[in-house]
C-alpha atoms as a PDB file:
ATOM      1  CA  UNK A   1     -10.819  36.284  -6.826  1.00  0.00           C
ATOM      2  CA  UNK A   2     -11.785  39.228  -8.977  1.00  0.00           C
ATOM      3  CA  UNK A   3     -11.289  38.710 -12.722  1.00  0.00           C
ATOM      4  CA  UNK A   4      -8.949  41.674 -13.028  1.00  0.00           C
ATOM      5  CA  UNK A   5      -6.641  40.220 -10.373  1.00  0.00           C
ATOM      6  CA  UNK A   6      -6.550  36.901 -12.182  1.00  0.00           C
ATOM      7  CA  UNK A   7      -5.702  38.632 -15.459  1.00  0.00           C
ATOM      8  CA  UNK A   8      -2.971  40.643 -13.689  1.00  0.00           C
ATOM      9  CA  UNK A   9      -1.449  37.416 -12.304  1.00  0.00           C
ATOM     10  CA  UNK A  10      -1.546  35.811 -15.743  1.00  0.00           C
ATOM     11  CA  UNK A  11       0.087  38.891 -17.255  1.00  0.00           C
ATOM     12  CA  UNK A  12       2.863  38.959 -14.622  1.00  0.00           C
ATOM     13  CA  UNK A  13       3.491  35.225 -15.122  1.00  0.00           C
ATOM     14  CA  UNK A  14       3.632  35.526 -18.888  1.00  0.00           C
ATOM     15  CA  UNK A  15       5.932  38.556 -18.580  1.00  0.00           C
ATOM     16  CA  UNK A  16       8.319  36.563 -16.389  1.00  0.00           C
ATOM     17  CA  UNK A  17       8.465  33.672 -18.856  1.00  0.00           C
ATOM     18  CA  UNK A  18       8.879  36.062 -21.761  1.00  0.00           C
ATOM     19  CA  UNK A  19      11.867  37.541 -19.944  1.00  0.00           C
ATOM     20  CA  UNK A  20      13.421  34.089 -19.454  1.00  0.00           C
ATOM     21  CA  UNK A  21      12.802  33.261 -23.104  1.00  0.00           C
ATOM     22  CA  UNK A  22      14.251  36.424 -24.609  1.00  0.00           C
ATOM     23  CA  UNK A  23      16.855  37.402 -21.969  1.00  0.00           C
ATOM     24  CA  UNK A  24      19.839  36.515 -24.213  1.00  0.00           C
ATOM     25  CA  UNK A  25      18.465  38.828 -26.911  1.00  0.00           C
ATOM     26  CA  UNK A  26      17.271  41.765 -24.807  1.00  0.00           C
ATOM     27  CA  UNK A  27      20.322  43.950 -25.470  1.00  0.00           C
ATOM     28  CA  UNK A  28      20.138  43.304 -29.207  1.00  0.00           C
ATOM     29  CA  UNK A  29      16.404  43.980 -29.269  1.00  0.00           C
ATOM     30  CA  UNK A  30      16.847  47.199 -27.265  1.00  0.00           C
ATOM     31  CA  UNK A  31      19.664  48.453 -29.512  1.00  0.00           C
ATOM     32  CA  UNK A  32      17.676  47.575 -32.647  1.00  0.00           C
ATOM     33  CA  UNK A  33      14.602  49.388 -31.329  1.00  0.00           C
ATOM     34  CA  UNK A  34      16.618  52.497 -30.473  1.00  0.00           C
ATOM     35  CA  UNK A  35      18.328  52.437 -33.867  1.00  0.00           C
ATOM     36  CA  UNK A  36      14.921  52.122 -35.521  1.00  0.00           C
ATOM     37  CA  UNK A  37      13.749  55.147 -33.547  1.00  0.00           C
ATOM     38  CA  UNK A  38      16.914  57.030 -34.546  1.00  0.00           C
ATOM     39  CA  UNK A  39      16.438  56.344 -38.258  1.00  0.00           C
ATOM     40  CA  UNK A  40      12.662  56.650 -38.480  1.00  0.00           C
ATOM     41  CA  UNK A  41      13.041  59.492 -40.988  1.00  0.00           C
ATOM     42  CA  UNK A  42      15.051  57.216 -43.305  1.00  0.00           C
ATOM     43  CA  UNK A  43      12.318  54.574 -43.104  1.00  0.00           C
ATOM     44  CA  UNK A  44       9.669  57.190 -43.921  1.00  0.00           C
ATOM     45  CA  UNK A  45      11.760  58.422 -46.855  1.00  0.00           C
ATOM     46  CA  UNK A  46      12.107  54.909 -48.285  1.00  0.00           C
ATOM     47  CA  UNK A  47       8.391  54.252 -47.819  1.00  0.00           C
ATOM     48  CA  UNK A  48       7.581  57.330 -49.907  1.00  0.00           C
ATOM     49  CA  UNK A  49       9.914  56.148 -52.660  1.00  0.00           C
ATOM     50  CA  UNK A  50       9.116  52.413 -52.769  1.00  0.00           C
ATOM     51  CA  UNK A  51       5.459  52.605 -51.622  1.00  0.00           C
ATOM     52  CA  UNK A  52       6.103  49.445 -49.602  1.00  0.00           C
ATOM     53  CA  UNK A  53       6.869  49.141 -45.884  1.00  0.00           C
ATOM     54  CA  UNK A  54       8.588  45.776 -46.443  1.00  0.00           C
ATOM     55  CA  UNK A  55      10.997  47.045 -49.128  1.00  0.00           C
ATOM     56  CA  UNK A  56      11.599  50.223 -47.121  1.00  0.00           C
ATOM     57  CA  UNK A  57      12.540  48.143 -44.063  1.00  0.00           C
ATOM     58  CA  UNK A  58      14.895  46.052 -46.209  1.00  0.00           C
ATOM     59  CA  UNK A  59      16.506  49.223 -47.577  1.00  0.00           C
ATOM     60  CA  UNK A  60      16.935  50.716 -44.102  1.00  0.00           C
ATOM     61  CA  UNK A  61      18.463  47.483 -42.784  1.00  0.00           C
ATOM     62  CA  UNK A  62      20.881  47.252 -45.717  1.00  0.00           C
ATOM     63  CA  UNK A  63      21.924  50.887 -45.247  1.00  0.00           C
ATOM     64  CA  UNK A  64      22.519  50.315 -41.517  1.00  0.00           C
ATOM     65  CA  UNK A  65      24.669  47.269 -42.259  1.00  0.00           C
ATOM     66  CA  UNK A  66      26.732  49.148 -44.827  1.00  0.00           C
ATOM     67  CA  UNK A  67      27.256  52.303 -42.752  1.00  0.00           C
ATOM     68  CA  UNK A  68      27.627  50.834 -39.308  1.00  0.00           C
ATOM     69  CA  UNK A  69      28.563  47.161 -39.316  1.00  0.00           C
ATOM     70  CA  UNK A  70      30.492  46.530 -42.537  1.00  0.00           C
ATOM     71  CA  UNK A  71      33.346  48.949 -41.653  1.00  0.00           C
ATOM     72  CA  UNK A  72      33.794  47.398 -38.202  1.00  0.00           C
ATOM     73  CA  UNK A  73      33.607  43.899 -39.661  1.00  0.00           C
ATOM     74  CA  UNK A  74      36.279  44.881 -42.193  1.00  0.00           C
ATOM     75  CA  UNK A  75      38.428  46.300 -39.403  1.00  0.00           C
ATOM     76  CA  UNK A  76      38.190  43.166 -37.232  1.00  0.00           C
ATOM     77  CA  UNK A  77      38.835  40.761 -40.117  1.00  0.00           C
ATOM     78  CA  UNK A  78      41.799  42.775 -41.452  1.00  0.00           C
ATOM     79  CA  UNK A  79      43.279  43.263 -37.984  1.00  0.00           C
ATOM     80  CA  UNK A  80      43.164  39.512 -37.349  1.00  0.00           C
ATOM     81  CA  UNK A  81      45.020  38.843 -40.611  1.00  0.00           C
ATOM     82  CA  UNK A  82      47.615  41.557 -39.908  1.00  0.00           C
ATOM     83  CA  UNK A  83      48.339  40.246 -36.414  1.00  0.00           C
ATOM     84  CA  UNK A  84      48.777  36.715 -37.735  1.00  0.00           C
ATOM     85  CA  UNK A  85      51.456  38.047 -40.107  1.00  0.00           C
ATOM     86  CA  UNK A  86      53.152  40.231 -37.504  1.00  0.00           C
ATOM     87  CA  UNK A  87      56.924  39.797 -37.241  1.00  0.00           C
ATOM     88  CA  UNK A  88      58.090  39.332 -33.609  1.00  0.00           C
ATOM     89  CA  UNK A  89      61.201  41.343 -34.527  1.00  0.00           C
ATOM     90  CA  UNK A  90      59.005  44.447 -34.367  1.00  0.00           C
ATOM     91  CA  UNK A  91      58.703  44.032 -30.602  1.00  0.00           C
ATOM     92  CA  UNK A  92      62.464  43.518 -30.284  1.00  0.00           C
ATOM     93  CA  UNK A  93      63.142  46.758 -32.151  1.00  0.00           C
ATOM     94  CA  UNK A  94      60.635  48.624 -29.992  1.00  0.00           C
ATOM     95  CA  UNK A  95      62.269  47.294 -26.822  1.00  0.00           C
ATOM     96  CA  UNK A  96      65.744  48.340 -28.029  1.00  0.00           C
ATOM     97  CA  UNK A  97      64.442  51.811 -28.876  1.00  0.00           C
ATOM     98  CA  UNK A  98      62.783  52.230 -25.460  1.00  0.00           C
ATOM     99  CA  UNK A  99      65.869  50.987 -23.599  1.00  0.00           C
ATOM    100  CA  UNK A 100      68.149  53.322 -25.573  1.00  0.00           C
ATOM    101  CA  UNK A 101      65.853  56.246 -24.791  1.00  0.00           C
ATOM    102  CA  UNK A 102      65.858  55.364 -21.086  1.00  0.00           C
ATOM    103  CA  UNK A 103      69.651  55.035 -20.976  1.00  0.00           C
ATOM    104  CA  UNK A 104      70.165  58.489 -22.508  1.00  0.00           C
ATOM    105  CA  UNK A 105      67.047  60.541 -21.788  1.00  0.00           C
ATOM    106  CA  UNK A 106      66.817  64.311 -22.289  1.00  0.00           C
ATOM    107  CA  UNK A 107      68.083  66.377 -19.361  1.00  0.00           C
ATOM    108  CA  UNK A 108      64.589  67.405 -18.314  1.00  0.00           C
ATOM    109  CA  UNK A 109      63.648  63.714 -17.914  1.00  0.00           C
ATOM    110  CA  UNK A 110      66.744  62.534 -16.059  1.00  0.00           C
ATOM    111  CA  UNK A 111      64.834  62.356 -12.766  1.00  0.00           C
ATOM    112  CA  UNK A 112      62.668  59.575 -14.249  1.00  0.00           C
ATOM    113  CA  UNK A 113      65.599  57.366 -15.316  1.00  0.00           C
ATOM    114  CA  UNK A 114      65.844  55.258 -12.088  1.00  0.00           C
ATOM    115  CA  UNK A 115      62.116  54.511 -12.114  1.00  0.00           C
ATOM    116  CA  UNK A 116      62.137  53.658 -15.823  1.00  0.00           C
ATOM    117  CA  UNK A 117      65.075  51.274 -15.399  1.00  0.00           C
ATOM    118  CA  UNK A 118      63.249  49.459 -12.606  1.00  0.00           C
ATOM    119  CA  UNK A 119      60.189  49.082 -14.823  1.00  0.00           C
ATOM    120  CA  UNK A 120      62.222  47.697 -17.724  1.00  0.00           C
ATOM    121  CA  UNK A 121      63.690  44.969 -15.478  1.00  0.00           C
ATOM    122  CA  UNK A 122      60.249  43.391 -15.206  1.00  0.00           C
ATOM    123  CA  UNK A 123      59.558  43.493 -18.950  1.00  0.00           C
ATOM    124  CA  UNK A 124      60.173  40.263 -20.867  1.00  0.00           C
ATOM    125  CA  UNK A 125      60.018  40.959 -24.572  1.00  0.00           C
ATOM    126  CA  UNK A 126      59.478  37.298 -25.457  1.00  0.00           C
ATOM    127  CA  UNK A 127      56.382  37.217 -23.253  1.00  0.00           C
ATOM    128  CA  UNK A 128      55.081  40.379 -24.890  1.00  0.00           C
ATOM    129  CA  UNK A 129      55.528  38.886 -28.356  1.00  0.00           C
ATOM    130  CA  UNK A 130      53.877  35.631 -27.282  1.00  0.00           C
ATOM    131  CA  UNK A 131      50.941  37.450 -25.730  1.00  0.00           C
ATOM    132  CA  UNK A 132      50.572  39.662 -28.778  1.00  0.00           C
ATOM    133  CA  UNK A 133      50.462  36.660 -31.085  1.00  0.00           C
ATOM    134  CA  UNK A 134      48.016  34.804 -28.851  1.00  0.00           C
ATOM    135  CA  UNK A 135      45.847  37.906 -28.974  1.00  0.00           C
ATOM    136  CA  UNK A 136      44.972  37.026 -32.571  1.00  0.00           C
ATOM    137  CA  UNK A 137      42.935  34.062 -31.374  1.00  0.00           C
ATOM    138  CA  UNK A 138      41.029  36.263 -28.945  1.00  0.00           C
ATOM    139  CA  UNK A 139      40.387  38.882 -31.635  1.00  0.00           C
ATOM    140  CA  UNK A 140      39.190  36.153 -33.988  1.00  0.00           C
ATOM    141  CA  UNK A 141      36.746  34.895 -31.364  1.00  0.00           C
ATOM    142  CA  UNK A 142      35.598  38.454 -30.648  1.00  0.00           C
ATOM    143  CA  UNK A 143      35.144  39.059 -34.380  1.00  0.00           C
ATOM    144  CA  UNK A 144      32.942  35.985 -34.717  1.00  0.00           C
ATOM    145  CA  UNK A 145      30.891  36.998 -31.671  1.00  0.00           C
ATOM    146  CA  UNK A 146      30.553  40.546 -32.890  1.00  0.00           C
ATOM    147  CA  UNK A 147      29.415  39.514 -36.374  1.00  0.00           C
ATOM    148  CA  UNK A 148      26.817  37.202 -34.797  1.00  0.00           C
ATOM    149  CA  UNK A 149      25.502  40.003 -32.581  1.00  0.00           C
ATOM    150  CA  UNK A 150      25.566  42.476 -35.466  1.00  0.00           C
ATOM    151  CA  UNK A 151      23.541  40.061 -37.596  1.00  0.00           C
ATOM    152  CA  UNK A 152      20.938  39.691 -34.833  1.00  0.00           C
ATOM    153  CA  UNK A 153      20.736  43.469 -34.362  1.00  0.00           C
ATOM    154  CA  UNK A 154      20.100  43.930 -38.085  1.00  0.00           C
ATOM    155  CA  UNK A 155      17.391  41.245 -38.049  1.00  0.00           C
ATOM    156  CA  UNK A 156      15.691  42.837 -35.036  1.00  0.00           C
ATOM    157  CA  UNK A 157      16.132  46.245 -36.643  1.00  0.00           C
ATOM    158  CA  UNK A 158      14.315  45.059 -39.768  1.00  0.00           C
ATOM    159  CA  UNK A 159      11.341  43.812 -37.738  1.00  0.00           C
ATOM    160  CA  UNK A 160      11.358  47.007 -35.654  1.00  0.00           C
ATOM    161  CA  UNK A 161      11.117  49.098 -38.831  1.00  0.00           C
ATOM    162  CA  UNK A 162       8.558  46.819 -40.465  1.00  0.00           C
ATOM    163  CA  UNK A 163       6.284  46.450 -37.407  1.00  0.00           C
ATOM    164  CA  UNK A 164       7.231  49.637 -35.549  1.00  0.00           C
ATOM    165  CA  UNK A 165       4.012  51.549 -36.167  1.00  0.00           C
ATOM    166  CA  UNK A 166       1.911  48.591 -34.996  1.00  0.00           C
ATOM    167  CA  UNK A 167       3.955  48.264 -31.770  1.00  0.00           C
ATOM    168  CA  UNK A 168       3.699  52.006 -31.087  1.00  0.00           C
ATOM    169  CA  UNK A 169      -0.076  51.998 -31.522  1.00  0.00           C
ATOM    170  CA  UNK A 170      -0.345  48.946 -29.263  1.00  0.00           C
ATOM    171  CA  UNK A 171       1.697  50.658 -26.552  1.00  0.00           C
ATOM    172  CA  UNK A 172      -0.462  53.761 -26.816  1.00  0.00           C
ATOM    173  CA  UNK A 173      -3.550  51.650 -26.084  1.00  0.00           C
ATOM    174  CA  UNK A 174      -1.967  49.584 -23.301  1.00  0.00           C
ATOM    175  CA  UNK A 175       0.030  52.204 -21.378  1.00  0.00           C
ATOM    176  CA  UNK A 176      -2.012  54.204 -18.898  1.00  0.00           C
ATOM    177  CA  UNK A 177      -1.116  57.585 -20.350  1.00  0.00           C
ATOM    178  CA  UNK A 178      -3.008  60.074 -22.390  1.00  0.00           C
ATOM    179  CA  UNK A 179      -2.552  60.186 -26.147  1.00  0.00           C
ATOM    180  CA  UNK A 180      -0.818  63.573 -25.889  1.00  0.00           C
ATOM    181  CA  UNK A 181       1.621  62.328 -23.238  1.00  0.00           C
ATOM    182  CA  UNK A 182       2.447  59.184 -25.196  1.00  0.00           C
ATOM    183  CA  UNK A 183       2.934  61.208 -28.371  1.00  0.00           C
ATOM    184  CA  UNK A 184       5.217  63.655 -26.545  1.00  0.00           C
ATOM    185  CA  UNK A 185       7.299  60.836 -25.085  1.00  0.00           C
ATOM    186  CA  UNK A 186       7.746  59.123 -28.455  1.00  0.00           C
ATOM    187  CA  UNK A 187       8.398  62.405 -30.274  1.00  0.00           C
ATOM    188  CA  UNK A 188      11.117  63.591 -27.892  1.00  0.00           C
ATOM    189  CA  UNK A 189      12.811  60.200 -27.719  1.00  0.00           C
ATOM    190  CA  UNK A 190      12.775  59.951 -31.523  1.00  0.00           C
ATOM    191  CA  UNK A 191      14.170  63.468 -31.919  1.00  0.00           C
ATOM    192  CA  UNK A 192      17.028  62.996 -29.471  1.00  0.00           C
ATOM    193  CA  UNK A 193      17.968  59.539 -30.773  1.00  0.00           C
ATOM    194  CA  UNK A 194      18.044  60.839 -34.347  1.00  0.00           C
ATOM    195  CA  UNK A 195      20.404  63.636 -33.328  1.00  0.00           C
ATOM    196  CA  UNK A 196      22.596  61.191 -31.393  1.00  0.00           C
ATOM    197  CA  UNK A 197      22.766  58.622 -34.198  1.00  0.00           C
ATOM    198  CA  UNK A 198      23.709  61.069 -36.942  1.00  0.00           C
ATOM    199  CA  UNK A 199      26.121  62.941 -34.665  1.00  0.00           C
ATOM    200  CA  UNK A 200      27.961  59.718 -33.836  1.00  0.00           C
ATOM    201  CA  UNK A 201      28.199  58.715 -37.494  1.00  0.00           C
ATOM    202  CA  UNK A 202      29.390  62.150 -38.683  1.00  0.00           C
ATOM    203  CA  UNK A 203      31.910  62.602 -35.849  1.00  0.00           C
ATOM    204  CA  UNK A 204      33.384  59.100 -36.223  1.00  0.00           C
ATOM    205  CA  UNK A 205      33.671  59.587 -39.991  1.00  0.00           C
ATOM    206  CA  UNK A 206      35.318  62.989 -39.538  1.00  0.00           C
ATOM    207  CA  UNK A 207      37.951  61.724 -37.107  1.00  0.00           C
ATOM    208  CA  UNK A 208      38.495  58.565 -39.149  1.00  0.00           C
ATOM    209  CA  UNK A 209      39.037  60.579 -42.330  1.00  0.00           C
ATOM    210  CA  UNK A 210      41.440  62.966 -40.588  1.00  0.00           C
ATOM    211  CA  UNK A 211      43.527  60.105 -39.192  1.00  0.00           C
ATOM    212  CA  UNK A 212      43.308  58.101 -42.425  1.00  0.00           C
ATOM    213  CA  UNK A 213      44.660  61.003 -44.480  1.00  0.00           C
ATOM    214  CA  UNK A 214      47.576  61.512 -42.092  1.00  0.00           C
ATOM    215  CA  UNK A 215      48.469  57.835 -41.847  1.00  0.00           C
ATOM    216  CA  UNK A 216      48.163  57.212 -45.594  1.00  0.00           C
ATOM    217  CA  UNK A 217      50.675  60.018 -46.211  1.00  0.00           C
ATOM    218  CA  UNK A 218      53.110  57.919 -44.157  1.00  0.00           C
ATOM    219  CA  UNK A 219      52.592  54.852 -46.352  1.00  0.00           C
ATOM    220  CA  UNK A 220      50.047  52.930 -44.241  1.00  0.00           C
ATOM    221  CA  UNK A 221      46.588  51.636 -45.126  1.00  0.00           C
ATOM    222  CA  UNK A 222      44.554  54.818 -44.653  1.00  0.00           C
ATOM    223  CA  UNK A 223      41.194  53.055 -45.098  1.00  0.00           C
ATOM    224  CA  UNK A 224      41.859  50.371 -42.492  1.00  0.00           C
ATOM    225  CA  UNK A 225      43.349  52.624 -39.851  1.00  0.00           C
ATOM    226  CA  UNK A 226      40.850  55.392 -40.575  1.00  0.00           C
ATOM    227  CA  UNK A 227      38.024  52.935 -39.827  1.00  0.00           C
ATOM    228  CA  UNK A 228      39.870  51.766 -36.708  1.00  0.00           C
ATOM    229  CA  UNK A 229      40.332  55.334 -35.474  1.00  0.00           C
ATOM    230  CA  UNK A 230      36.685  56.153 -36.175  1.00  0.00           C
ATOM    231  CA  UNK A 231      35.510  53.361 -33.884  1.00  0.00           C
ATOM    232  CA  UNK A 232      38.279  53.985 -31.344  1.00  0.00           C
ATOM    233  CA  UNK A 233      37.120  57.613 -31.124  1.00  0.00           C
ATOM    234  CA  UNK A 234      33.919  56.343 -29.496  1.00  0.00           C
ATOM    235  CA  UNK A 235      35.914  55.320 -26.420  1.00  0.00           C
ATOM    236  CA  UNK A 236      36.055  58.232 -23.946  1.00  0.00           C
ATOM    237  CA  UNK A 237      39.407  59.901 -23.127  1.00  0.00           C
ATOM    238  CA  UNK A 238      41.779  57.142 -24.330  1.00  0.00           C
ATOM    239  CA  UNK A 239      40.130  56.226 -27.637  1.00  0.00           C
ATOM    240  CA  UNK A 240      42.446  58.185 -29.934  1.00  0.00           C
ATOM    241  CA  UNK A 241      45.573  57.250 -27.979  1.00  0.00           C
ATOM    242  CA  UNK A 242      44.846  53.569 -28.612  1.00  0.00           C
ATOM    243  CA  UNK A 243      45.542  54.307 -32.280  1.00  0.00           C
ATOM    244  CA  UNK A 244      48.246  56.957 -32.520  1.00  0.00           C
ATOM    245  CA  UNK A 245      50.416  55.794 -29.594  1.00  0.00           C
ATOM    246  CA  UNK A 246      51.341  52.404 -31.181  1.00  0.00           C
ATOM    247  CA  UNK A 247      52.141  54.195 -34.451  1.00  0.00           C
ATOM    248  CA  UNK A 248      54.376  56.664 -32.624  1.00  0.00           C
ATOM    249  CA  UNK A 249      56.271  53.877 -30.836  1.00  0.00           C
ATOM    250  CA  UNK A 250      56.633  51.895 -34.055  1.00  0.00           C
ATOM    251  CA  UNK A 251      57.974  54.906 -35.970  1.00  0.00           C
ATOM    252  CA  UNK A 252      60.462  55.602 -33.181  1.00  0.00           C
ATOM    253  CA  UNK A 253      61.614  51.965 -33.247  1.00  0.00           C
ATOM    254  CA  UNK A 254      62.062  52.192 -37.031  1.00  0.00           C
ATOM    255  CA  UNK A 255      64.209  55.314 -36.609  1.00  0.00           C
ATOM    256  CA  UNK A 256      61.662  57.673 -38.135  1.00  0.00           C
ATOM    257  CA  UNK A 257      61.589  60.221 -35.321  1.00  0.00           C
ATOM    258  CA  UNK A 258      59.995  62.961 -37.417  1.00  0.00           C
ATOM    259  CA  UNK A 259      57.141  60.639 -38.442  1.00  0.00           C
ATOM    260  CA  UNK A 260      56.568  59.617 -34.817  1.00  0.00           C
ATOM    261  CA  UNK A 261      56.435  63.222 -33.637  1.00  0.00           C
ATOM    262  CA  UNK A 262      54.177  64.188 -36.537  1.00  0.00           C
ATOM    263  CA  UNK A 263      51.555  61.483 -35.887  1.00  0.00           C
ATOM    264  CA  UNK A 264      51.539  62.258 -32.136  1.00  0.00           C
ATOM    265  CA  UNK A 265      51.209  66.040 -32.524  1.00  0.00           C
ATOM    266  CA  UNK A 266      48.704  65.765 -35.373  1.00  0.00           C
ATOM    267  CA  UNK A 267      46.501  63.279 -33.490  1.00  0.00           C
ATOM    268  CA  UNK A 268      46.509  65.237 -30.240  1.00  0.00           C
ATOM    269  CA  UNK A 269      46.133  68.759 -31.650  1.00  0.00           C
ATOM    270  CA  UNK A 270      44.089  68.327 -34.829  1.00  0.00           C
ATOM    271  CA  UNK A 271      41.919  65.321 -33.931  1.00  0.00           C
ATOM    272  CA  UNK A 272      41.670  65.112 -30.132  1.00  0.00           C
ATOM    273  CA  UNK A 273      41.658  68.823 -29.310  1.00  0.00           C
ATOM    274  CA  UNK A 274      40.175  70.551 -32.354  1.00  0.00           C
ATOM    275  CA  UNK A 275      37.905  67.862 -33.871  1.00  0.00           C
ATOM    276  CA  UNK A 276      36.798  65.970 -30.762  1.00  0.00           C
ATOM    277  CA  UNK A 277      36.705  68.727 -28.144  1.00  0.00           C
ATOM    278  CA  UNK A 278      35.560  71.743 -30.155  1.00  0.00           C
ATOM    279  CA  UNK A 279      34.070  70.480 -33.422  1.00  0.00           C
ATOM    280  CA  UNK A 280      32.056  67.557 -31.979  1.00  0.00           C
ATOM    281  CA  UNK A 281      29.658  69.716 -29.877  1.00  0.00           C
ATOM    282  CA  UNK A 282      29.232  71.979 -32.914  1.00  0.00           C
ATOM    283  CA  UNK A 283      28.309  68.957 -35.039  1.00  0.00           C
ATOM    284  CA  UNK A 284      25.707  67.916 -32.458  1.00  0.00           C
ATOM    285  CA  UNK A 285      24.363  71.473 -32.323  1.00  0.00           C
ATOM    286  CA  UNK A 286      24.116  71.760 -36.120  1.00  0.00           C
ATOM    287  CA  UNK A 287      22.408  68.380 -36.519  1.00  0.00           C
ATOM    288  CA  UNK A 288      20.143  69.234 -33.600  1.00  0.00           C
ATOM    289  CA  UNK A 289      19.130  72.460 -35.361  1.00  0.00           C
ATOM    290  CA  UNK A 290      18.647  70.878 -38.794  1.00  0.00           C
ATOM    291  CA  UNK A 291      16.715  67.790 -37.710  1.00  0.00           C
ATOM    292  CA  UNK A 292      14.341  69.422 -35.244  1.00  0.00           C
ATOM    293  CA  UNK A 293      11.856  72.125 -36.024  1.00  0.00           C
ATOM    294  CA  UNK A 294      11.703  75.341 -34.076  1.00  0.00           C
ATOM    295  CA  UNK A 295       8.678  74.196 -32.106  1.00  0.00           C
ATOM    296  CA  UNK A 296      10.300  70.905 -31.112  1.00  0.00           C
ATOM    297  CA  UNK A 297      11.875  70.587 -27.696  1.00  0.00           C
ATOM    298  CA  UNK A 298      15.596  70.259 -28.265  1.00  0.00           C
ATOM    299  CA  UNK A 299      17.940  68.686 -25.777  1.00  0.00           C
ATOM    300  CA  UNK A 300      21.018  70.792 -25.142  1.00  0.00           C
ATOM    301  CA  UNK A 301      23.965  69.572 -27.238  1.00  0.00           C
ATOM    302  CA  UNK A 302      26.229  69.428 -24.167  1.00  0.00           C
ATOM    303  CA  UNK A 303      23.725  67.157 -22.415  1.00  0.00           C
ATOM    304  CA  UNK A 304      23.734  64.866 -25.448  1.00  0.00           C
ATOM    305  CA  UNK A 305      27.530  65.005 -25.586  1.00  0.00           C
ATOM    306  CA  UNK A 306      27.988  63.994 -21.938  1.00  0.00           C
ATOM    307  CA  UNK A 307      25.220  61.370 -22.103  1.00  0.00           C
ATOM    308  CA  UNK A 308      27.143  59.682 -24.930  1.00  0.00           C
ATOM    309  CA  UNK A 309      30.337  59.709 -22.847  1.00  0.00           C
ATOM    310  CA  UNK A 310      28.496  58.412 -19.764  1.00  0.00           C
ATOM    311  CA  UNK A 311      26.836  55.669 -21.797  1.00  0.00           C
ATOM    312  CA  UNK A 312      30.135  54.504 -23.282  1.00  0.00           C
ATOM    313  CA  UNK A 313      31.798  54.500 -19.858  1.00  0.00           C
ATOM    314  CA  UNK A 314      28.948  52.541 -18.265  1.00  0.00           C
ATOM    315  CA  UNK A 315      27.705  50.146 -20.954  1.00  0.00           C
ATOM    316  CA  UNK A 316      30.647  49.925 -23.348  1.00  0.00           C
ATOM    317  CA  UNK A 317      30.276  50.177 -27.118  1.00  0.00           C
ATOM    318  CA  UNK A 318      26.462  50.187 -27.207  1.00  0.00           C
ATOM    319  CA  UNK A 319      26.372  52.826 -24.464  1.00  0.00           C
ATOM    320  CA  UNK A 320      26.577  55.513 -27.140  1.00  0.00           C
ATOM    321  CA  UNK A 321      22.985  54.565 -27.988  1.00  0.00           C
ATOM    322  CA  UNK A 322      21.750  53.636 -24.492  1.00  0.00           C
ATOM    323  CA  UNK A 323      23.156  56.699 -22.666  1.00  0.00           C
ATOM    324  CA  UNK A 324      21.251  59.379 -24.615  1.00  0.00           C
ATOM    325  CA  UNK A 325      18.113  57.205 -24.730  1.00  0.00           C
ATOM    326  CA  UNK A 326      18.054  56.830 -20.932  1.00  0.00           C
ATOM    327  CA  UNK A 327      18.778  60.538 -20.417  1.00  0.00           C
ATOM    328  CA  UNK A 328      16.125  61.617 -22.912  1.00  0.00           C
ATOM    329  CA  UNK A 329      13.545  59.264 -21.397  1.00  0.00           C
ATOM    330  CA  UNK A 330      14.261  60.566 -17.892  1.00  0.00           C
ATOM    331  CA  UNK A 331      14.039  64.234 -18.882  1.00  0.00           C
ATOM    332  CA  UNK A 332      10.812  63.645 -20.815  1.00  0.00           C
ATOM    333  CA  UNK A 333       9.236  61.864 -17.836  1.00  0.00           C
ATOM    334  CA  UNK A 334      10.215  64.852 -15.681  1.00  0.00           C
ATOM    335  CA  UNK A 335       8.446  67.189 -18.125  1.00  0.00           C
ATOM    336  CA  UNK A 336       5.310  65.043 -18.072  1.00  0.00           C
ATOM    337  CA  UNK A 337       5.398  64.873 -14.279  1.00  0.00           C
ATOM    338  CA  UNK A 338       5.800  68.667 -14.122  1.00  0.00           C
ATOM    339  CA  UNK A 339       2.838  69.120 -16.469  1.00  0.00           C
ATOM    340  CA  UNK A 340       0.637  66.824 -14.389  1.00  0.00           C
ATOM    341  CA  UNK A 341       1.690  68.613 -11.196  1.00  0.00           C
ATOM    342  CA  UNK A 342       0.631  71.960 -12.709  1.00  0.00           C
ATOM    343  CA  UNK A 343      -2.718  70.471 -13.768  1.00  0.00           C
ATOM    344  CA  UNK A 344      -3.349  69.190 -10.255  1.00  0.00           C
ATOM    345  CA  UNK A 345      -2.418  72.583  -8.774  1.00  0.00           C
ATOM    346  CA  UNK A 346      -4.948  74.370 -10.946  1.00  0.00           C
END
């Protein structure tokens, strides 16, 4: 057997066992690596200030935890407490309100009355209340699992920032690509992921602030529900409705019809239509323009926008990072393939 074949077999074997060893952590490692790529400019900024890669990596990790994980941790912990204190009478009032609306609907909705009555026959309000209260245990378990995963992502993120340059140089030597091709691949992936990361943060904060202001004017906890709406906005199509629809139903059940109509119209028109549909692509475009130089290859903001949506739909919460990364990697490989094809033709 030739030595190179033996080395190849050893490498494949070791790769297989490495996969078995780190399989439970692969998603966390991937997300941490992509986040490190997205925030490479922050790491470089901290290194210039502190003159230490270790302290810079600590600062970047702390900033990530504060901006990204602390708000969601606060939301999950507060939501668990609120649900534990929830009065079952709320569900009774909501049922009475819905039944009264079905019994005497507006004239333009009379044709739906028979179907609505049939649906209400199958609804048992006591079961709904019981399920809602049992949901607190599930949310508590999810909160604990999320905090564990978030902690691991931050740890991996720290090591990715601290050892990132060494790993990149190692990959450049190992991968069978030219230095220019490897540099192009890393540069384009870094550029796109930076745009995606900052766009997600700015857009979620914008929608969260808009909803928080509206809901605080109605006497609710604007900080809590603003954070909740910010993260819910990451869910395609139905994200915003998961927040404003329960508020609308609750306000109707409490007899505050004007408040219910206000929160529904405000959320749909101001947040969903104006902020999410029209302002979000503009945010991506502006960040794209500010982060990348004129000579950098920029990915179209609509491509980034739809890659985020596709990632969320396919991979869930972390898809907002994975979707653009996969799309950017694919498009960059196409460019490299096109360049090699032209070289071979000449």
